[in-house]
Each structure stands twice: as structure tokens, then as C-alpha cells.
């Protein structure tokens, strides 16, 4: 019975964290989605840190908002997901 209450508590915590991440990355008026990270809203450069589309959700994200894909083979550096998609795994 204790396991179920811990499981529900953990699930509630993870849902709240996902909601917070989505809300933090909500597009605000005046921001260009092509020039801003979809997760942290930081400005993307034209040469350095240009951003790349997340393989899962296709939103453009900066380097700081990328995490290693947990299902990717070990040592494969190009397999990553944005922070929201990574949390949903």
C-alpha cells in the first residue's frame, strides 16, 4: 500500500514539473519562434548556438535545453531530446 502512495506522489510531482516546463517555455508576444529557444526562450544566434529541432516534438531548442535520449545506444552523441520530451519518457 505504501508503494502505491509513493507512486501517486511521484506521478503528481512529475506532472507538475512538466506543466512548469511547458509554461516557462510558452511563447510571449514579440518573440520570434525562429530566433528563440522553445523551452527557455533565450535568443538563438546566427552562427553559434543556432538551435536545432528536437527529434520528438520538432521545436527549436538551444544547447542548454537538450538532454541525452535515455533510449539511445551508449556513446551515440547525436541522440538527444528537449527537456520536456525527455521528462515525458
N, C-alpha and C. Protein backbone atom coordinates (compact mmCIF):
# COMPACT_ATOMS: atom_id res chain seq x y z
N UNK A 1 0.82 -1.19 0.00
CA UNK A 1 0.00 0.00 0.00
C UNK A 1 0.87 1.26 0.00
N UNK A 2 1.98 1.21 0.74
CA UNK A 2 2.90 2.35 0.79
C UNK A 2 3.47 2.64 -0.60
N UNK A 3 3.74 1.59 -1.36
CA UNK A 3 4.29 1.74 -2.71
C UNK A 3 3.33 2.54 -3.60
N UNK A 4 2.03 2.27 -3.48
CA UNK A 4 1.05 2.99 -4.30
C UNK A 4 1.00 4.47 -3.96
N UNK A 5 1.07 4.81 -2.69
CA UNK A 5 1.02 6.23 -2.32
C UNK A 5 2.29 6.95 -2.79
N UNK A 6 3.43 6.28 -2.73
CA UNK A 6 4.67 6.87 -3.23
C UNK A 6 4.59 7.03 -4.74
N UNK A 7 4.04 6.04 -5.43
CA UNK A 7 3.90 6.10 -6.88
C UNK A 7 2.99 7.25 -7.30
N UNK A 8 1.86 7.43 -6.63
CA UNK A 8 0.95 8.53 -6.95
C UNK A 8 1.59 9.87 -6.66
N UNK A 9 2.32 9.95 -5.57
CA UNK A 9 3.01 11.19 -5.22
C UNK A 9 4.06 11.54 -6.26
N UNK A 10 4.82 10.56 -6.69
CA UNK A 10 5.85 10.78 -7.71
C UNK A 10 5.21 11.20 -9.03
N UNK A 11 4.14 10.55 -9.41
CA UNK A 11 3.44 10.89 -10.65
C UNK A 11 2.91 12.32 -10.60
N UNK A 12 2.34 12.71 -9.49
CA UNK A 12 1.83 14.08 -9.31
C UNK A 12 2.96 15.09 -9.42
N UNK A 13 4.10 14.77 -8.80
CA UNK A 13 5.27 15.65 -8.85
C UNK A 13 5.77 15.80 -10.29
N UNK A 14 5.86 14.70 -11.03
CA UNK A 14 6.34 14.75 -12.41
C UNK A 14 5.38 15.52 -13.32
N UNK A 15 4.08 15.35 -13.12
CA UNK A 15 3.11 16.11 -13.91
C UNK A 15 3.23 17.60 -13.65
N UNK A 16 3.41 17.97 -12.39
CA UNK A 16 3.57 19.38 -12.04
C UNK A 16 4.84 19.95 -12.65
N UNK A 17 5.92 19.17 -12.65
CA UNK A 17 7.17 19.64 -13.24
C UNK A 17 7.05 19.81 -14.75
N UNK A 18 6.37 18.89 -15.42
CA UNK A 18 6.15 19.03 -16.87
C UNK A 18 5.33 20.27 -17.17
N UNK A 19 4.29 20.50 -16.39
CA UNK A 19 3.46 21.69 -16.58
C UNK A 19 4.28 22.96 -16.40
N UNK A 20 5.16 22.98 -15.40
CA UNK A 20 6.01 24.14 -15.15
C UNK A 20 6.96 24.38 -16.33
N UNK A 21 7.54 23.30 -16.86
CA UNK A 21 8.45 23.43 -18.01
C UNK A 21 7.71 23.96 -19.24
N UNK A 22 6.51 23.47 -19.47
CA UNK A 22 5.73 23.95 -20.62
C UNK A 22 5.36 25.42 -20.46
N UNK A 23 4.94 25.79 -19.26
CA UNK A 23 4.53 27.17 -19.01
C UNK A 23 5.72 28.12 -19.15
N UNK A 24 6.89 27.71 -18.68
CA UNK A 24 8.09 28.54 -18.77
C UNK A 24 8.47 28.77 -20.23
N UNK A 25 8.20 27.81 -21.10
CA UNK A 25 8.56 27.94 -22.50
C UNK A 25 7.46 28.47 -23.38
N UNK A 26 6.35 28.94 -22.79
CA UNK A 26 5.25 29.47 -23.60
C UNK A 26 5.71 30.73 -24.33
N UNK A 27 5.38 30.79 -25.61
CA UNK A 27 5.79 31.92 -26.44
C UNK A 27 5.11 33.20 -25.98
N UNK A 28 5.89 34.25 -25.85
CA UNK A 28 5.38 35.54 -25.41
C UNK A 28 5.30 36.49 -26.60
N UNK A 29 4.40 37.46 -26.56
CA UNK A 29 4.30 38.41 -27.67
C UNK A 29 5.63 39.11 -27.93
N UNK A 30 5.96 39.27 -29.18
CA UNK A 30 7.19 39.96 -29.56
C UNK A 30 8.38 39.05 -29.75
N UNK A 31 8.28 37.79 -29.35
CA UNK A 31 9.40 36.86 -29.53
C UNK A 31 9.24 36.11 -30.85
N UNK A 32 10.30 36.03 -31.60
CA UNK A 32 10.30 35.30 -32.87
C UNK A 32 10.62 33.83 -32.58
N UNK A 33 9.69 32.91 -32.86
CA UNK A 33 9.95 31.50 -32.57
C UNK A 33 11.13 30.92 -33.35
N UNK A 34 11.47 31.52 -34.47
CA UNK A 34 12.62 31.03 -35.25
C UNK A 34 13.94 31.47 -34.63
N UNK A 35 13.94 32.50 -33.80
CA UNK A 35 15.16 33.04 -33.21
C UNK A 35 15.20 32.85 -31.69
N UNK A 36 14.26 32.09 -31.12
CA UNK A 36 14.22 31.86 -29.67
C UNK A 36 14.10 30.37 -29.37
N UNK A 37 14.73 29.96 -28.28
CA UNK A 37 14.60 28.58 -27.83
C UNK A 37 13.16 28.35 -27.37
N UNK A 38 12.56 27.24 -27.79
CA UNK A 38 11.17 26.94 -27.44
C UNK A 38 11.01 26.58 -25.98
N UNK A 39 12.08 26.25 -25.28
CA UNK A 39 11.99 25.82 -23.89
C UNK A 39 12.37 26.91 -22.88
N UNK A 40 13.47 27.62 -23.10
CA UNK A 40 13.90 28.64 -22.12
C UNK A 40 13.73 30.06 -22.66
N UNK A 41 13.36 30.20 -23.93
CA UNK A 41 13.11 31.48 -24.58
C UNK A 41 14.36 32.34 -24.75
N UNK A 42 15.55 31.75 -24.60
CA UNK A 42 16.77 32.53 -24.82
C UNK A 42 16.94 32.78 -26.32
N UNK A 43 17.60 33.88 -26.64
CA UNK A 43 17.82 34.23 -28.04
C UNK A 43 18.81 33.25 -28.67
N UNK A 44 18.52 32.83 -29.88
CA UNK A 44 19.40 31.93 -30.62
C UNK A 44 20.27 32.74 -31.55
N UNK A 45 21.52 32.34 -31.70
CA UNK A 45 22.46 33.06 -32.54
C UNK A 45 22.35 32.68 -34.00
N UNK A 46 23.03 33.43 -34.83
CA UNK A 46 23.04 33.14 -36.27
C UNK A 46 24.19 32.19 -36.63
N UNK A 47 25.26 32.19 -35.80
CA UNK A 47 26.40 31.32 -36.07
C UNK A 47 26.58 30.33 -34.92
N UNK A 48 26.68 30.83 -33.69
CA UNK A 48 26.86 29.97 -32.51
C UNK A 48 25.52 29.73 -31.83
N UNK A 49 25.32 28.52 -31.33
CA UNK A 49 24.10 28.13 -30.63
C UNK A 49 22.86 28.54 -31.42
N UNK A 50 22.79 28.08 -32.66
CA UNK A 50 21.68 28.41 -33.55
C UNK A 50 20.40 27.67 -33.19
N UNK A 51 20.52 26.66 -32.36
CA UNK A 51 19.37 25.84 -32.02
C UNK A 51 19.19 24.73 -33.04
N UNK A 52 18.48 23.71 -32.64
CA UNK A 52 18.19 22.58 -33.52
C UNK A 52 16.81 22.04 -33.14
N UNK A 53 16.08 21.48 -34.11
CA UNK A 53 14.76 20.93 -33.79
C UNK A 53 14.88 19.63 -32.98
N UNK A 54 14.07 19.54 -31.94
CA UNK A 54 14.02 18.31 -31.15
C UNK A 54 13.50 17.19 -32.05
N UNK A 55 14.15 16.02 -32.04
CA UNK A 55 13.70 14.92 -32.89
C UNK A 55 12.29 14.43 -32.56
N UNK A 56 11.81 14.70 -31.35
CA UNK A 56 10.50 14.22 -30.95
C UNK A 56 9.39 15.24 -31.23
N UNK A 57 9.52 16.46 -30.72
CA UNK A 57 8.45 17.47 -30.86
C UNK A 57 8.70 18.46 -31.98
N UNK A 58 9.92 18.47 -32.55
CA UNK A 58 10.32 19.35 -33.66
C UNK A 58 10.41 20.82 -33.28
N UNK A 59 10.39 21.16 -32.00
CA UNK A 59 10.56 22.55 -31.57
C UNK A 59 12.05 22.88 -31.54
N UNK A 60 12.40 24.11 -31.91
CA UNK A 60 13.80 24.53 -31.96
C UNK A 60 14.28 24.86 -30.54
N UNK A 61 15.37 24.20 -30.12
CA UNK A 61 15.87 24.38 -28.76
C UNK A 61 17.37 24.67 -28.76
N UNK A 62 17.83 25.39 -27.73
CA UNK A 62 19.25 25.71 -27.58
C UNK A 62 20.00 24.51 -26.99
N UNK A 63 21.31 24.62 -26.90
CA UNK A 63 22.13 23.53 -26.36
C UNK A 63 21.81 23.23 -24.90
N UNK A 64 21.50 24.27 -24.12
CA UNK A 64 21.24 24.07 -22.70
C UNK A 64 19.95 23.31 -22.42
N UNK A 65 19.04 23.28 -23.38
CA UNK A 65 17.75 22.63 -23.20
C UNK A 65 17.69 21.25 -23.85
N UNK A 66 18.85 20.66 -24.14
CA UNK A 66 18.94 19.33 -24.74
C UNK A 66 19.48 18.35 -23.70
N UNK A 67 18.89 17.16 -23.65
CA UNK A 67 19.36 16.10 -22.76
C UNK A 67 19.52 14.82 -23.57
N UNK A 68 20.46 13.99 -23.17
CA UNK A 68 20.73 12.72 -23.84
C UNK A 68 19.47 11.85 -23.83
N UNK A 69 19.12 11.28 -24.96
CA UNK A 69 17.96 10.39 -25.09
C UNK A 69 18.23 9.12 -24.29
N UNK A 70 17.35 8.78 -23.31
CA UNK A 70 17.60 7.59 -22.49
C UNK A 70 17.53 6.29 -23.29
N UNK A 71 16.87 6.29 -24.44
CA UNK A 71 16.76 5.07 -25.24
C UNK A 71 17.85 4.95 -26.29
N UNK A 72 18.75 5.92 -26.35
CA UNK A 72 19.80 5.92 -27.37
C UNK A 72 20.92 4.96 -26.97
N UNK A 73 21.58 4.37 -27.96
CA UNK A 73 22.72 3.49 -27.65
C UNK A 73 23.85 4.27 -26.98
N UNK A 74 24.58 3.61 -26.13
CA UNK A 74 25.70 4.24 -25.40
C UNK A 74 26.74 4.77 -26.37
N UNK A 75 27.20 5.99 -26.13
CA UNK A 75 28.26 6.58 -26.94
C UNK A 75 27.78 7.25 -28.21
N UNK A 76 26.48 7.33 -28.42
CA UNK A 76 25.96 8.00 -29.62
C UNK A 76 25.64 9.44 -29.25
N UNK A 77 26.51 10.36 -29.59
CA UNK A 77 26.40 11.74 -29.15
C UNK A 77 25.28 12.54 -29.78
N UNK A 78 24.75 12.13 -30.92
CA UNK A 78 23.74 12.91 -31.61
C UNK A 78 22.31 12.61 -31.16
N UNK A 79 22.11 11.66 -30.29
CA UNK A 79 20.76 11.29 -29.88
C UNK A 79 20.38 12.03 -28.61
N UNK A 80 19.54 13.06 -28.78
CA UNK A 80 19.13 13.89 -27.66
C UNK A 80 17.65 14.24 -27.81
N UNK A 81 17.05 14.75 -26.73
CA UNK A 81 15.68 15.24 -26.72
C UNK A 81 15.65 16.56 -25.96
N UNK A 82 14.63 17.37 -26.22
CA UNK A 82 14.49 18.60 -25.43
C UNK A 82 14.08 18.22 -24.01
N UNK A 83 14.17 19.16 -23.07
CA UNK A 83 13.91 18.85 -21.67
C UNK A 83 12.49 18.34 -21.44
N UNK A 84 11.50 18.86 -22.16
CA UNK A 84 10.12 18.42 -21.97
C UNK A 84 9.93 17.01 -22.50
N UNK A 85 10.40 16.72 -23.69
CA UNK A 85 10.27 15.36 -24.25
C UNK A 85 11.04 14.35 -23.42
N UNK A 86 12.19 14.74 -22.89
CA UNK A 86 12.99 13.85 -22.04
C UNK A 86 12.22 13.51 -20.77
N UNK A 87 11.54 14.49 -20.19
CA UNK A 87 10.75 14.23 -18.97
C UNK A 87 9.57 13.32 -19.26
N UNK A 88 9.03 13.37 -20.47
CA UNK A 88 7.87 12.56 -20.81
C UNK A 88 8.24 11.11 -21.08
N UNK A 89 9.53 10.82 -21.22
CA UNK A 89 9.96 9.44 -21.49
C UNK A 89 9.72 8.56 -20.29
